[in-house]
Amino acid sequence: MALAKAKGAYKGRKASIDREVVSNMIKAGSSLTSIAKSLGISRQSVHRIKAELAL
């Protein structure tokens, strides 16, 4: 696996959540629950993104 990563062949799964959209919704004052429902993701995912972005 290390060799594949070094060659760029092993990239993993593409991100399914647009962090910029979540960030903009948080900054706009939307509740975390409403963000999760509107994007079809879990509240925990919204919390994780919020923590990563330090908002």
PDB file of N, CA and C in Angstrom:
ATOM      1  N   MET A   1       0.825  -1.176   0.000  1.00  0.00           N
ATOM      2  CA  MET A   1       0.000   0.000   0.000  1.00  0.00           C
ATOM      3  C   MET A   1       0.884   1.259   0.000  1.00  0.00           C
ATOM      4  N   ALA A   2       1.986   1.222   0.693  1.00  0.00           N
ATOM      5  CA  ALA A   2       2.870   2.383   0.743  1.00  0.00           C
ATOM      6  C   ALA A   2       3.423   2.709  -0.642  1.00  0.00           C
ATOM      7  N   LEU A   3       3.768   1.667  -1.401  1.00  0.00           N
ATOM      8  CA  LEU A   3       4.255   1.894  -2.765  1.00  0.00           C
ATOM      9  C   LEU A   3       3.175   2.519  -3.641  1.00  0.00           C
ATOM     10  N   ALA A   4       1.953   2.035  -3.508  1.00  0.00           N
ATOM     11  CA  ALA A   4       0.849   2.570  -4.300  1.00  0.00           C
ATOM     12  C   ALA A   4       0.603   4.034  -3.946  1.00  0.00           C
ATOM     13  N   LYS A   5       0.675   4.359  -2.664  1.00  0.00           N
ATOM     14  CA  LYS A   5       0.497   5.746  -2.252  1.00  0.00           C
ATOM     15  C   LYS A   5       1.605   6.633  -2.809  1.00  0.00           C
ATOM     16  N   ALA A   6       2.828   6.122  -2.806  1.00  0.00           N
ATOM     17  CA  ALA A   6       3.964   6.888  -3.321  1.00  0.00           C
ATOM     18  C   ALA A   6       3.803   7.160  -4.816  1.00  0.00           C
ATOM     19  N   LYS A   7       3.211   6.227  -5.530  1.00  0.00           N
ATOM     20  CA  LYS A   7       2.993   6.396  -6.965  1.00  0.00           C
ATOM     21  C   LYS A   7       1.742   7.210  -7.261  1.00  0.00           C
ATOM     22  N   GLY A   8       0.930   7.459  -6.236  1.00  0.00           N
ATOM     23  CA  GLY A   8      -0.291   8.233  -6.423  1.00  0.00           C
ATOM     24  C   GLY A   8      -1.468   7.387  -6.865  1.00  0.00           C
ATOM     25  N   ALA A   9      -1.343   6.073  -6.821  1.00  0.00           N
ATOM     26  CA  ALA A   9      -2.415   5.182  -7.264  1.00  0.00           C
ATOM     27  C   ALA A   9      -3.450   4.962  -6.158  1.00  0.00           C
ATOM     28  N   TYR A  10      -3.044   5.094  -4.930  1.00  0.00           N
ATOM     29  CA  TYR A  10      -3.930   4.852  -3.801  1.00  0.00           C
ATOM     30  C   TYR A  10      -4.308   6.194  -3.209  1.00  0.00           C
ATOM     31  N   LYS A  11      -5.493   6.656  -3.520  1.00  0.00           N
ATOM     32  CA  LYS A  11      -5.897   7.984  -3.084  1.00  0.00           C
ATOM     33  C   LYS A  11      -7.019   7.966  -2.069  1.00  0.00           C
ATOM     34  N   GLY A  12      -7.666   6.840  -1.891  1.00  0.00           N
ATOM     35  CA  GLY A  12      -8.769   6.766  -0.948  1.00  0.00           C
ATOM     36  C   GLY A  12     -10.072   7.231  -1.570  1.00  0.00           C
ATOM     37  N   ARG A  13     -11.065   7.323  -0.746  1.00  0.00           N
ATOM     38  CA  ARG A  13     -12.413   7.685  -1.193  1.00  0.00           C
ATOM     39  C   ARG A  13     -12.537   9.196  -1.332  1.00  0.00           C
ATOM     40  N   LYS A  14     -13.274   9.637  -2.312  1.00  0.00           N
ATOM     41  CA  LYS A  14     -13.520  11.065  -2.504  1.00  0.00           C
ATOM     42  C   LYS A  14     -14.453  11.562  -1.396  1.00  0.00           C
ATOM     43  N   ALA A  15     -14.268  12.813  -0.997  1.00  0.00           N
ATOM     44  CA  ALA A  15     -15.108  13.408   0.035  1.00  0.00           C
ATOM     45  C   ALA A  15     -16.537  13.541  -0.484  1.00  0.00           C
ATOM     46  N   SER A  16     -17.495  13.149   0.326  1.00  0.00           N
ATOM     47  CA  SER A  16     -18.893  13.213  -0.105  1.00  0.00           C
ATOM     48  C   SER A  16     -19.623  14.422   0.464  1.00  0.00           C
ATOM     49  N   ILE A  17     -18.967  15.130   1.381  1.00  0.00           N
ATOM     50  CA  ILE A  17     -19.581  16.297   2.004  1.00  0.00           C
ATOM     51  C   ILE A  17     -18.788  17.534   1.603  1.00  0.00           C
ATOM     52  N   ASP A  18     -19.481  18.533   1.089  1.00  0.00           N
ATOM     53  CA  ASP A  18     -18.841  19.786   0.711  1.00  0.00           C
ATOM     54  C   ASP A  18     -18.671  20.639   1.964  1.00  0.00           C
ATOM     55  N   ARG A  19     -17.453  20.701   2.459  1.00  0.00           N
ATOM     56  CA  ARG A  19     -17.178  21.418   3.704  1.00  0.00           C
ATOM     57  C   ARG A  19     -17.452  22.914   3.574  1.00  0.00           C
ATOM     58  N   GLU A  20     -17.277  23.460   2.399  1.00  0.00           N
ATOM     59  CA  GLU A  20     -17.527  24.879   2.194  1.00  0.00           C
ATOM     60  C   GLU A  20     -19.008  25.213   2.382  1.00  0.00           C
ATOM     61  N   VAL A  21     -19.885  24.337   1.904  1.00  0.00           N
ATOM     62  CA  VAL A  21     -21.326  24.546   2.065  1.00  0.00           C
ATOM     63  C   VAL A  21     -21.690  24.505   3.544  1.00  0.00           C
ATOM     64  N   VAL A  22     -21.162  23.521   4.254  1.00  0.00           N
ATOM     65  CA  VAL A  22     -21.429  23.400   5.691  1.00  0.00           C
ATOM     66  C   VAL A  22     -20.917  24.644   6.416  1.00  0.00           C
ATOM     67  N   SER A  23     -19.711  25.080   6.083  1.00  0.00           N
ATOM     68  CA  SER A  23     -19.125  26.259   6.708  1.00  0.00           C
ATOM     69  C   SER A  23     -19.985  27.493   6.475  1.00  0.00           C
ATOM     70  N   ASN A  24     -20.434  27.684   5.249  1.00  0.00           N
ATOM     71  CA  ASN A  24     -21.271  28.846   4.937  1.00  0.00           C
ATOM     72  C   ASN A  24     -22.591  28.801   5.690  1.00  0.00           C
ATOM     73  N   MET A  25     -23.178  27.625   5.818  1.00  0.00           N
ATOM     74  CA  MET A  25     -24.444  27.489   6.536  1.00  0.00           C
ATOM     75  C   MET A  25     -24.263  27.780   8.024  1.00  0.00           C
ATOM     76  N   ILE A  26     -23.146  27.336   8.598  1.00  0.00           N
ATOM     77  CA  ILE A  26     -22.866  27.613  10.007  1.00  0.00           C
ATOM     78  C   ILE A  26     -22.693  29.117  10.216  1.00  0.00           C
ATOM     79  N   LYS A  27     -21.920  29.736   9.322  1.00  0.00           N
ATOM     80  CA  LYS A  27     -21.681  31.185   9.432  1.00  0.00           C
ATOM     81  C   LYS A  27     -22.972  31.979   9.254  1.00  0.00           C
ATOM     82  N   ALA A  28     -23.912  31.431   8.474  1.00  0.00           N
ATOM     83  CA  ALA A  28     -25.185  32.115   8.248  1.00  0.00           C
ATOM     84  C   ALA A  28     -26.126  31.987   9.444  1.00  0.00           C
ATOM     85  N   GLY A  29     -25.758  31.134  10.407  1.00  0.00           N
ATOM     86  CA  GLY A  29     -26.548  31.015  11.617  1.00  0.00           C
ATOM     87  C   GLY A  29     -27.512  29.845  11.638  1.00  0.00           C
ATOM     88  N   SER A  30     -27.402  28.937  10.660  1.00  0.00           N
ATOM     89  CA  SER A  30     -28.273  27.758  10.647  1.00  0.00           C
ATOM     90  C   SER A  30     -27.907  26.834  11.802  1.00  0.00           C
ATOM     91  N   SER A  31     -28.906  26.147  12.336  1.00  0.00           N
ATOM     92  CA  SER A  31     -28.625  25.197  13.410  1.00  0.00           C
ATOM     93  C   SER A  31     -27.942  23.964  12.821  1.00  0.00           C
ATOM     94  N   LEU A  32     -27.180  23.293  13.660  1.00  0.00           N
ATOM     95  CA  LEU A  32     -26.451  22.118  13.195  1.00  0.00           C
ATOM     96  C   LEU A  32     -27.405  21.015  12.748  1.00  0.00           C
ATOM     97  N   THR A  33     -28.535  20.888  13.437  1.00  0.00           N
ATOM     98  CA  THR A  33     -29.526  19.884  13.073  1.00  0.00           C
ATOM     99  C   THR A  33     -30.144  20.195  11.720  1.00  0.00           C
ATOM    100  N   SER A  34     -30.460  21.461  11.473  1.00  0.00           N
ATOM    101  CA  SER A  34     -31.067  21.817  10.185  1.00  0.00           C
ATOM    102  C   SER A  34     -30.070  21.650   9.035  1.00  0.00           C
ATOM    103  N   ILE A  35     -28.797  21.911   9.303  1.00  0.00           N
ATOM    104  CA  ILE A  35     -27.767  21.693   8.285  1.00  0.00           C
ATOM    105  C   ILE A  35     -27.705  20.220   7.930  1.00  0.00           C
ATOM    106  N   ALA A  36     -27.675  19.376   8.956  1.00  0.00           N
ATOM    107  CA  ALA A  36     -27.589  17.934   8.733  1.00  0.00           C
ATOM    108  C   ALA A  36     -28.785  17.432   7.935  1.00  0.00           C
ATOM    109  N   LYS A  37     -29.980  17.880   8.286  1.00  0.00           N
ATOM    110  CA  LYS A  37     -31.183  17.430   7.584  1.00  0.00           C
ATOM    111  C   LYS A  37     -31.193  17.893   6.141  1.00  0.00           C
ATOM    112  N   SER A  38     -30.830  19.155   5.907  1.00  0.00           N
ATOM    113  CA  SER A  38     -30.894  19.687   4.547  1.00  0.00           C
ATOM    114  C   SER A  38     -29.852  19.061   3.623  1.00  0.00           C
ATOM    115  N   LEU A  39     -28.708  18.644   4.180  1.00  0.00           N
ATOM    116  CA  LEU A  39     -27.656  18.045   3.362  1.00  0.00           C
ATOM    117  C   LEU A  39     -27.709  16.517   3.355  1.00  0.00           C
ATOM    118  N   GLY A  40     -28.561  15.948   4.195  1.00  0.00           N
ATOM    119  CA  GLY A  40     -28.677  14.498   4.251  1.00  0.00           C
ATOM    120  C   GLY A  40     -27.479  13.817   4.876  1.00  0.00           C
ATOM    121  N   ILE A  41     -26.896  14.486   5.879  1.00  0.00           N
ATOM    122  CA  ILE A  41     -25.753  13.916   6.593  1.00  0.00           C
ATOM    123  C   ILE A  41     -26.082  13.860   8.077  1.00  0.00           C
ATOM    124  N   SER A  42     -25.215  13.229   8.846  1.00  0.00           N
ATOM    125  CA  SER A  42     -25.477  13.121  10.277  1.00  0.00           C
ATOM    126  C   SER A  42     -25.060  14.398  11.005  1.00  0.00           C
ATOM    127  N   ARG A  43     -25.663  14.613  12.168  1.00  0.00           N
ATOM    128  CA  ARG A  43     -25.285  15.764  12.996  1.00  0.00           C
ATOM    129  C   ARG A  43     -23.831  15.648  13.423  1.00  0.00           C
ATOM    130  N   GLN A  44     -23.388  14.428  13.666  1.00  0.00           N
ATOM    131  CA  GLN A  44     -21.997  14.215  14.072  1.00  0.00           C
ATOM    132  C   GLN A  44     -21.040  14.678  12.987  1.00  0.00           C
ATOM    133  N   SER A  45     -21.405  14.464  11.727  1.00  0.00           N
ATOM    134  CA  SER A  45     -20.564  14.938  10.622  1.00  0.00           C
ATOM    135  C   SER A  45     -20.474  16.454  10.629  1.00  0.00           C
ATOM    136  N   VAL A  46     -21.585  17.109  10.908  1.00  0.00           N
ATOM    137  CA  VAL A  46     -21.596  18.572  10.971  1.00  0.00           C
ATOM    138  C   VAL A  46     -20.726  19.043  12.130  1.00  0.00           C
ATOM    139  N   HIS A  47     -20.837  18.391  13.277  1.00  0.00           N
ATOM    140  CA  HIS A  47     -20.010  18.737  14.434  1.00  0.00           C
ATOM    141  C   HIS A  47     -18.531  18.554  14.109  1.00  0.00           C
ATOM    142  N   ARG A  48     -18.196  17.459  13.440  1.00  0.00           N
ATOM    143  CA  ARG A  48     -16.798  17.166  13.099  1.00  0.00           C
ATOM    144  C   ARG A  48     -16.249  18.244  12.165  1.00  0.00           C
ATOM    145  N   ILE A  49     -17.023  18.626  11.166  1.00  0.00           N
ATOM    146  CA  ILE A  49     -16.576  19.653  10.223  1.00  0.00           C
ATOM    147  C   ILE A  49     -16.418  20.991  10.942  1.00  0.00           C
ATOM    148  N   LYS A  50     -17.347  21.302  11.827  1.00  0.00           N
ATOM    149  CA  LYS A  50     -17.279  22.545  12.588  1.00  0.00           C
ATOM    150  C   LYS A  50     -15.989  22.573  13.425  1.00  0.00           C
ATOM    151  N   ALA A  51     -15.655  21.464  14.044  1.00  0.00           N
ATOM    152  CA  ALA A  51     -14.442  21.382  14.857  1.00  0.00           C
ATOM    153  C   ALA A  51     -13.183  21.505  13.982  1.00  0.00           C
ATOM    154  N   GLU A  52     -13.203  20.885  12.804  1.00  0.00           N
ATOM    155  CA  GLU A  52     -12.051  20.950  11.900  1.00  0.00           C
ATOM    156  C   GLU A  52     -11.818  22.375  11.431  1.00  0.00           C
ATOM    157  N   LEU A  53     -12.893  23.097  11.188  1.00  0.00           N
ATOM    158  CA  LEU A  53     -12.786  24.467  10.680  1.00  0.00           C
ATOM    159  C   LEU A  53     -12.630  25.491  11.804  1.00  0.00           C
ATOM    160  N   ALA A  54     -12.751  25.032  13.048  1.00  0.00           N
ATOM    161  CA  ALA A  54     -12.638  25.887  14.231  1.00  0.00           C
ATOM    162  C   ALA A  54     -13.605  27.066  14.156  1.00  0.00           C
ATOM    163  N   LEU A  55     -14.895  26.749  13.899  1.00  0.00           N
ATOM    164  CA  LEU A  55     -15.913  27.810  13.822  1.00  0.00           C
ATOM    165  C   LEU A  55     -16.665  27.912  15.128  1.00  0.00           C
TER     166      LEU A  55
END
